[in-house]
N, C-alpha and C. Protein backbone atom coordinates (compact mmCIF):
# COMPACT_ATOMS: atom_id res chain seq x y z
N MET A 1 0.84 -1.19 -0.04
CA MET A 1 0.12 0.07 -0.08
C MET A 1 0.93 1.37 0.05
N LYS A 2 2.19 1.19 0.70
CA LYS A 2 2.91 2.49 0.76
C LYS A 2 3.69 2.78 -0.61
N LYS A 3 3.96 1.34 -1.08
CA LYS A 3 4.56 1.51 -2.29
C LYS A 3 3.41 2.18 -3.38
N ARG A 4 2.47 1.72 -3.41
CA ARG A 4 1.16 2.10 -4.33
C ARG A 4 1.35 3.81 -4.19
N ILE A 5 1.12 4.54 -2.72
CA ILE A 5 0.63 6.00 -2.83
C ILE A 5 2.23 6.69 -3.11
N LYS A 6 3.13 6.11 -2.80
CA LYS A 6 4.54 6.83 -3.04
C LYS A 6 4.68 6.50 -4.68
N SER A 7 4.12 5.75 -5.49
CA SER A 7 4.20 5.88 -6.75
C SER A 7 3.05 6.80 -7.52
N ALA A 8 1.90 6.85 -6.87
CA ALA A 8 0.84 7.67 -6.94
C ALA A 8 1.65 9.17 -6.84
N ALA A 9 2.18 9.42 -5.84
CA ALA A 9 2.62 10.84 -5.60
C ALA A 9 3.63 11.11 -6.57
N GLU A 10 4.60 10.24 -6.84
CA GLU A 10 5.70 10.37 -8.11
C GLU A 10 5.21 10.87 -9.39
N ARG A 11 3.90 10.18 -9.44
CA ARG A 11 3.52 10.68 -10.97
C ARG A 11 2.77 11.65 -10.61
N ALA A 12 2.28 12.09 -9.98
CA ALA A 12 1.55 13.40 -9.72
C ALA A 12 2.51 14.54 -10.01
N ALA A 13 3.46 14.17 -9.16
CA ALA A 13 4.74 15.30 -9.07
C ALA A 13 5.13 15.65 -10.46
N ARG A 14 5.49 14.05 -11.35
CA ARG A 14 5.66 14.74 -12.64
C ARG A 14 4.72 15.03 -13.90
N ASN A 15 3.38 15.02 -13.19
CA ASN A 15 2.16 15.45 -14.50
C ASN A 15 2.43 16.87 -14.80
N PRO A 16 2.76 17.42 -15.50
CA PRO A 16 2.53 18.90 -16.51
C PRO A 16 1.32 19.56 -15.97
N VAL A 17 0.12 19.09 -16.01
CA VAL A 17 -0.93 19.61 -16.08
C VAL A 17 -1.16 19.83 -14.62
N LEU A 18 -0.79 19.04 -13.75
CA LEU A 18 -0.80 19.20 -11.97
C LEU A 18 -0.21 20.00 -11.64
N ARG A 19 1.10 20.29 -12.29
CA ARG A 19 2.07 21.13 -11.68
C ARG A 19 1.72 22.62 -12.31
N LYS A 20 1.21 22.96 -13.34
CA LYS A 20 0.79 23.88 -13.84
C LYS A 20 -0.65 24.67 -13.23
N SER A 21 -1.32 23.40 -12.74
CA SER A 21 -2.77 23.98 -11.83
C SER A 21 -1.85 24.27 -10.52
N ALA A 22 -1.49 23.55 -9.84
CA ALA A 22 -0.53 24.08 -8.68
C ALA A 22 -0.09 25.46 -8.63
N GLN A 23 0.95 25.92 -9.77
CA GLN A 23 1.32 27.17 -10.05
C GLN A 23 0.46 28.00 -10.15
N SER A 24 -0.82 27.75 -10.96
CA SER A 24 -1.68 28.72 -11.16
C SER A 24 -2.09 29.18 -9.65
N LEU A 25 -2.48 28.23 -8.20
CA LEU A 25 -2.97 28.61 -7.25
C LEU A 25 -2.17 29.35 -6.33
N LYS A 26 -1.07 29.50 -6.77
CA LYS A 26 -0.05 30.23 -6.03
C LYS A 26 -0.09 31.57 -5.89
N PRO A 27 -0.26 32.49 -5.01
CA PRO A 27 -0.48 33.71 -5.13
C PRO A 27 0.75 34.51 -5.44
N SER A 28 1.07 35.47 -6.21
CA SER A 28 2.37 36.37 -6.68
C SER A 28 2.92 36.47 -5.46
N ARG A 29 4.56 36.51 -5.65
CA ARG A 29 5.68 36.83 -4.51
C ARG A 29 5.51 38.25 -4.56
N SER A 30 4.61 39.10 -3.99
CA SER A 30 4.35 40.35 -3.63
C SER A 30 4.00 40.88 -2.72
N ILE A 31 3.89 41.82 -2.17
CA ILE A 31 2.90 42.44 -0.89
C ILE A 31 1.50 42.33 -1.18
N TRP A 32 1.38 42.53 -2.46
CA TRP A 32 -0.19 42.04 -3.10
C TRP A 32 -0.59 40.96 -2.99
N GLY A 33 0.12 39.85 -3.03
CA GLY A 33 -0.15 38.65 -2.79
C GLY A 33 -0.39 38.12 -1.25
N ALA A 34 0.60 38.85 -0.81
CA ALA A 34 0.31 38.32 1.06
C ALA A 34 -0.95 39.43 1.62
N LEU A 35 -1.05 40.27 1.11
CA LEU A 35 -2.13 41.09 1.64
C LEU A 35 -3.65 40.51 0.93
N GLY A 36 -3.67 39.72 -0.55
CA GLY A 36 -4.63 39.04 -0.65
C GLY A 36 -5.07 38.02 0.14
N ILE A 37 -4.16 37.22 0.41
CA ILE A 37 -4.27 36.09 1.37
C ILE A 37 -4.89 36.70 2.88
N VAL A 38 -4.34 37.50 3.31
CA VAL A 38 -4.60 38.22 4.43
C VAL A 38 -6.35 38.74 4.45
N LEU A 39 -6.11 39.37 3.65
CA LEU A 39 -7.85 40.06 3.60
C LEU A 39 -9.17 38.93 3.00
N PHE A 40 -8.50 38.08 2.16
CA PHE A 40 -9.69 37.08 1.78
C PHE A 40 -9.80 35.64 2.37
N PHE A 41 -8.78 35.52 3.34
CA PHE A 41 -8.77 34.10 3.70
C PHE A 41 -8.78 34.33 5.72
N ILE A 42 -7.81 35.08 5.77
CA ILE A 42 -7.43 35.10 7.11
C ILE A 42 -8.76 36.16 7.89
N VAL A 43 -8.83 37.28 7.48
CA VAL A 43 -9.49 38.29 8.29
C VAL A 43 -11.06 38.25 8.25
N PRO A 44 -11.76 37.47 7.15
CA PRO A 44 -13.16 37.17 7.31
C PRO A 44 -13.32 35.93 8.07
N GLU A 45 -12.36 35.10 8.45
CA GLU A 45 -12.72 33.96 9.48
C GLU A 45 -12.25 34.31 11.03
N ILE A 46 -11.42 35.37 11.14
CA ILE A 46 -11.28 35.91 12.38
C ILE A 46 -12.55 36.81 12.62
N ALA A 47 -13.11 37.39 11.53
CA ALA A 47 -14.34 38.13 11.77
C ALA A 47 -15.33 37.38 12.42
N GLY A 48 -15.53 36.19 11.57
CA GLY A 48 -16.52 35.17 11.94
C GLY A 48 -16.39 34.75 13.32
N PHE A 49 -15.31 34.35 13.82
CA PHE A 49 -14.97 34.02 14.92
C PHE A 49 -15.31 35.13 16.12
N ILE A 50 -15.25 36.15 16.10
CA ILE A 50 -15.49 37.21 16.66
C ILE A 50 -16.81 37.54 16.99
N TRP A 51 -17.27 37.98 15.68
CA TRP A 51 -18.71 38.61 15.47
C TRP A 51 -19.87 37.89 14.60
N GLY A 52 -19.67 36.59 14.60
CA GLY A 52 -20.27 35.63 13.87
C GLY A 52 -21.87 35.93 14.25
N GLY A 53 -21.93 35.90 15.77
CA GLY A 53 -23.16 35.80 16.05
C GLY A 53 -24.09 37.34 15.66
N GLU A 54 -23.07 38.21 15.66
CA GLU A 54 -24.22 39.70 15.69
C GLU A 54 -24.10 39.84 14.12
N ILE A 55 -23.07 39.84 13.49
CA ILE A 55 -23.50 39.71 11.92
C ILE A 55 -24.56 38.85 11.39
N THR A 56 -25.04 37.72 12.02
CA THR A 56 -26.04 36.67 11.42
C THR A 56 -27.32 36.94 11.98
N ALA A 57 -27.54 37.95 13.19
CA ALA A 57 -28.63 38.50 13.75
C ALA A 57 -28.72 39.57 12.64
N TRP A 58 -27.69 40.66 12.70
CA TRP A 58 -28.06 41.73 11.61
C TRP A 58 -28.67 41.23 10.39
N ALA A 59 -27.93 40.32 9.76
CA ALA A 59 -28.47 40.02 8.51
C ALA A 59 -30.03 39.05 8.75
N HIS A 60 -30.15 38.61 9.41
CA HIS A 60 -31.48 37.98 9.90
C HIS A 60 -32.67 39.05 9.42
N VAL A 61 -32.30 39.99 10.46
CA VAL A 61 -33.21 41.17 10.53
C VAL A 61 -33.15 41.97 9.28
N HIS A 62 -32.41 41.68 8.57
CA HIS A 62 -32.74 42.64 7.28
C HIS A 62 -33.08 41.63 6.19
N THR A 63 -33.23 40.36 6.19
CA THR A 63 -33.52 39.43 5.40
C THR A 63 -35.42 39.39 5.71
N LEU A 64 -35.77 39.83 6.75
CA LEU A 64 -37.22 40.26 7.09
C LEU A 64 -37.72 41.08 6.76
N THR A 65 -36.73 42.39 6.47
CA THR A 65 -37.31 43.78 6.30
C THR A 65 -36.87 44.17 4.93
N GLU A 66 -35.97 43.56 4.37
CA GLU A 66 -35.66 44.08 3.02
C GLU A 66 -36.92 43.87 2.00
N PRO A 67 -37.30 45.01 1.01
CA PRO A 67 -38.29 44.81 0.23
C PRO A 67 -37.83 44.28 -0.84
N THR A 68 -36.72 44.42 -1.37
CA THR A 68 -36.47 43.46 -2.59
C THR A 68 -36.06 42.36 -2.32
N GLU A 69 -36.46 41.59 -3.74
CA GLU A 69 -35.99 40.01 -3.42
C GLU A 69 -34.51 39.87 -3.55
N THR A 70 -33.77 40.61 -4.33
CA THR A 70 -32.40 40.66 -4.51
C THR A 70 -31.83 40.67 -3.16
N GLY A 71 -32.27 41.72 -2.59
CA GLY A 71 -31.88 42.23 -1.28
C GLY A 71 -32.05 41.26 -0.15
N ARG A 72 -33.19 40.50 -0.35
CA ARG A 72 -33.26 39.48 0.85
C ARG A 72 -32.32 38.01 0.51
N GLN A 73 -32.18 37.96 -1.04
CA GLN A 73 -31.28 36.72 -0.89
C GLN A 73 -29.81 37.14 -0.54
N LEU A 74 -29.27 38.30 -0.84
CA LEU A 74 -28.31 38.64 -0.20
C LEU A 74 -27.62 38.78 1.39
N TYR A 75 -29.08 39.29 2.31
CA TYR A 75 -28.87 38.84 3.54
C TYR A 75 -28.99 37.56 3.71
N TRP A 76 -29.59 36.79 3.09
CA TRP A 76 -29.92 35.25 3.61
C TRP A 76 -28.46 34.75 3.24
N VAL A 77 -27.74 34.83 2.15
CA VAL A 77 -26.43 34.63 1.97
C VAL A 77 -25.48 34.88 3.29
N LEU A 78 -25.54 35.92 3.38
CA LEU A 78 -24.81 36.52 4.56
C LEU A 78 -24.96 35.84 5.83
N GLU A 79 -26.35 35.91 6.26
CA GLU A 79 -26.65 34.74 7.29
C GLU A 79 -26.10 33.52 7.31
N LYS A 80 -26.14 32.91 6.37
CA LYS A 80 -25.78 31.47 6.17
C LYS A 80 -24.29 31.54 6.42
N LEU A 81 -23.41 32.75 5.76
CA LEU A 81 -22.18 32.22 5.83
C LEU A 81 -21.40 32.60 7.39
N PHE A 82 -22.30 33.02 8.20
CA PHE A 82 -21.77 33.51 9.55
C PHE A 82 -22.36 32.88 10.46
N GLU A 83 -23.35 32.00 10.16
CA GLU A 83 -24.34 31.31 11.29
C GLU A 83 -23.46 30.43 12.10
N ASP A 84 -22.46 29.74 11.55
CA ASP A 84 -21.62 28.95 12.32
C ASP A 84 -20.22 29.48 12.57
N GLY A 85 -20.03 30.84 12.70
CA GLY A 85 -18.96 31.58 13.24
C GLY A 85 -17.70 31.47 12.12
N GLY A 86 -16.55 31.25 12.50
CA GLY A 86 -15.59 31.05 11.58
C GLY A 86 -15.02 29.79 11.12
N SER A 87 -14.34 29.41 9.91
CA SER A 87 -14.26 28.07 9.85
C SER A 87 -12.75 28.07 9.89
N TRP A 88 -12.40 26.76 10.42
CA TRP A 88 -10.95 26.53 10.76
C TRP A 88 -10.45 26.21 9.61
N ILE A 89 -11.03 25.42 8.58
CA ILE A 89 -10.57 24.89 7.64
C ILE A 89 -10.25 26.23 6.48
N ASN A 90 -11.08 27.30 6.50
CA ASN A 90 -10.53 28.33 5.70
C ASN A 90 -9.28 29.06 6.27
N LEU A 91 -9.41 29.22 7.82
CA LEU A 91 -8.53 29.81 8.26
C LEU A 91 -7.13 28.95 8.17
N GLY A 92 -7.28 27.58 8.43
CA GLY A 92 -5.90 26.92 7.94
C GLY A 92 -5.52 26.71 6.56
N ILE A 93 -6.19 27.36 5.51
CA ILE A 93 -6.04 27.15 4.06
C ILE A 93 -5.01 28.36 4.11
N GLY A 94 -5.84 29.54 4.51
CA GLY A 94 -5.18 30.76 4.38
C GLY A 94 -3.71 30.90 5.34
N VAL A 95 -3.63 30.30 6.28
CA VAL A 95 -2.29 30.09 6.95
C VAL A 95 -1.13 29.43 5.95
N LEU A 96 -1.78 28.56 5.64
CA LEU A 96 -0.83 27.52 4.56
C LEU A 96 -0.51 28.18 3.42
N LEU A 97 -1.33 28.85 2.89
CA LEU A 97 -1.02 29.86 1.49
C LEU A 97 -0.14 30.76 1.83
N LEU A 98 -0.16 31.16 3.12
CA LEU A 98 0.88 32.44 3.38
C LEU A 98 2.21 31.92 3.86
N VAL A 99 2.21 30.74 4.27
CA VAL A 99 3.21 30.46 4.91
C VAL A 99 4.22 29.72 3.46
N TRP A 100 3.20 29.13 2.47
CA TRP A 100 3.86 28.97 0.94
C TRP A 100 4.31 30.18 0.34
N LEU A 101 3.70 31.26 0.51
CA LEU A 101 4.04 32.36 -0.24
C LEU A 101 5.44 32.95 0.35
N PHE A 102 5.36 32.77 1.47
CA PHE A 102 6.94 33.08 2.48
C PHE A 102 7.88 32.22 2.24
N TRP A 103 7.65 30.85 1.75
CA TRP A 103 8.64 30.07 1.65
C TRP A 103 9.01 30.25 0.21
N ASP A 104 8.28 30.27 -0.50
CA ASP A 104 8.68 30.64 -2.10
C ASP A 104 9.42 31.97 -2.05
N TRP A 105 9.17 32.92 -1.50
CA TRP A 105 9.78 34.11 -1.63
C TRP A 105 11.31 34.01 -1.10
N LYS A 106 11.71 33.04 0.06
CA LYS A 106 12.50 32.78 0.94
C LYS A 106 13.69 31.73 -0.32
N GLN A 107 12.92 31.08 -0.92
CA GLN A 107 13.66 30.34 -1.80
C GLN A 107 13.86 31.18 -2.80
N ALA A 108 13.38 32.15 -3.60
CA ALA A 108 13.95 32.77 -4.77
C ALA A 108 14.80 33.50 -4.28
N GLU A 109 14.48 33.90 -3.01
CA GLU A 109 15.71 35.35 -2.50
C GLU A 109 17.21 34.47 -2.57
N ASP A 110 17.28 33.17 -1.71
CA ASP A 110 18.28 32.42 -1.71
C ASP A 110 18.83 31.90 -2.90
N GLN A 111 18.05 31.88 -3.96
CA GLN A 111 18.92 31.21 -5.34
C GLN A 111 19.31 32.56 -6.01
N GLN A 112 18.84 33.78 -5.54
CA GLN A 112 19.33 34.84 -6.31
C GLN A 112 20.83 35.17 -5.90
N PHE A 113 20.80 35.06 -4.16
CA PHE A 113 22.37 35.10 -3.83
C PHE A 113 23.37 34.18 -4.27
N ARG A 114 22.91 32.90 -5.00
CA ARG A 114 23.67 32.02 -5.28
C ARG A 114 24.67 32.29 -6.29
């Protein structure tokens, strides 16, 4: 079983399509890449952990009082997004992307001085 998993991992590492897909997921090595990870992955989850209940209550009230159907749907989605608070999975993905970005940044910097 271990041999099969190792073989599959090696095939995946050599697969050019998978490598290109992984490369397209990596944020750019710039302050904008780091800021994008923080603003789109980490900050919303922290806000969900801290203010999830208040955001859910506020969105629920607006779902009931909004005159337009589009507005009600928007508040309903907001209510569903924050009803369970933050997501440890999304927060973990954000932290892993940030670590990946800084690791890649460090690798490029080390190769520049070689």
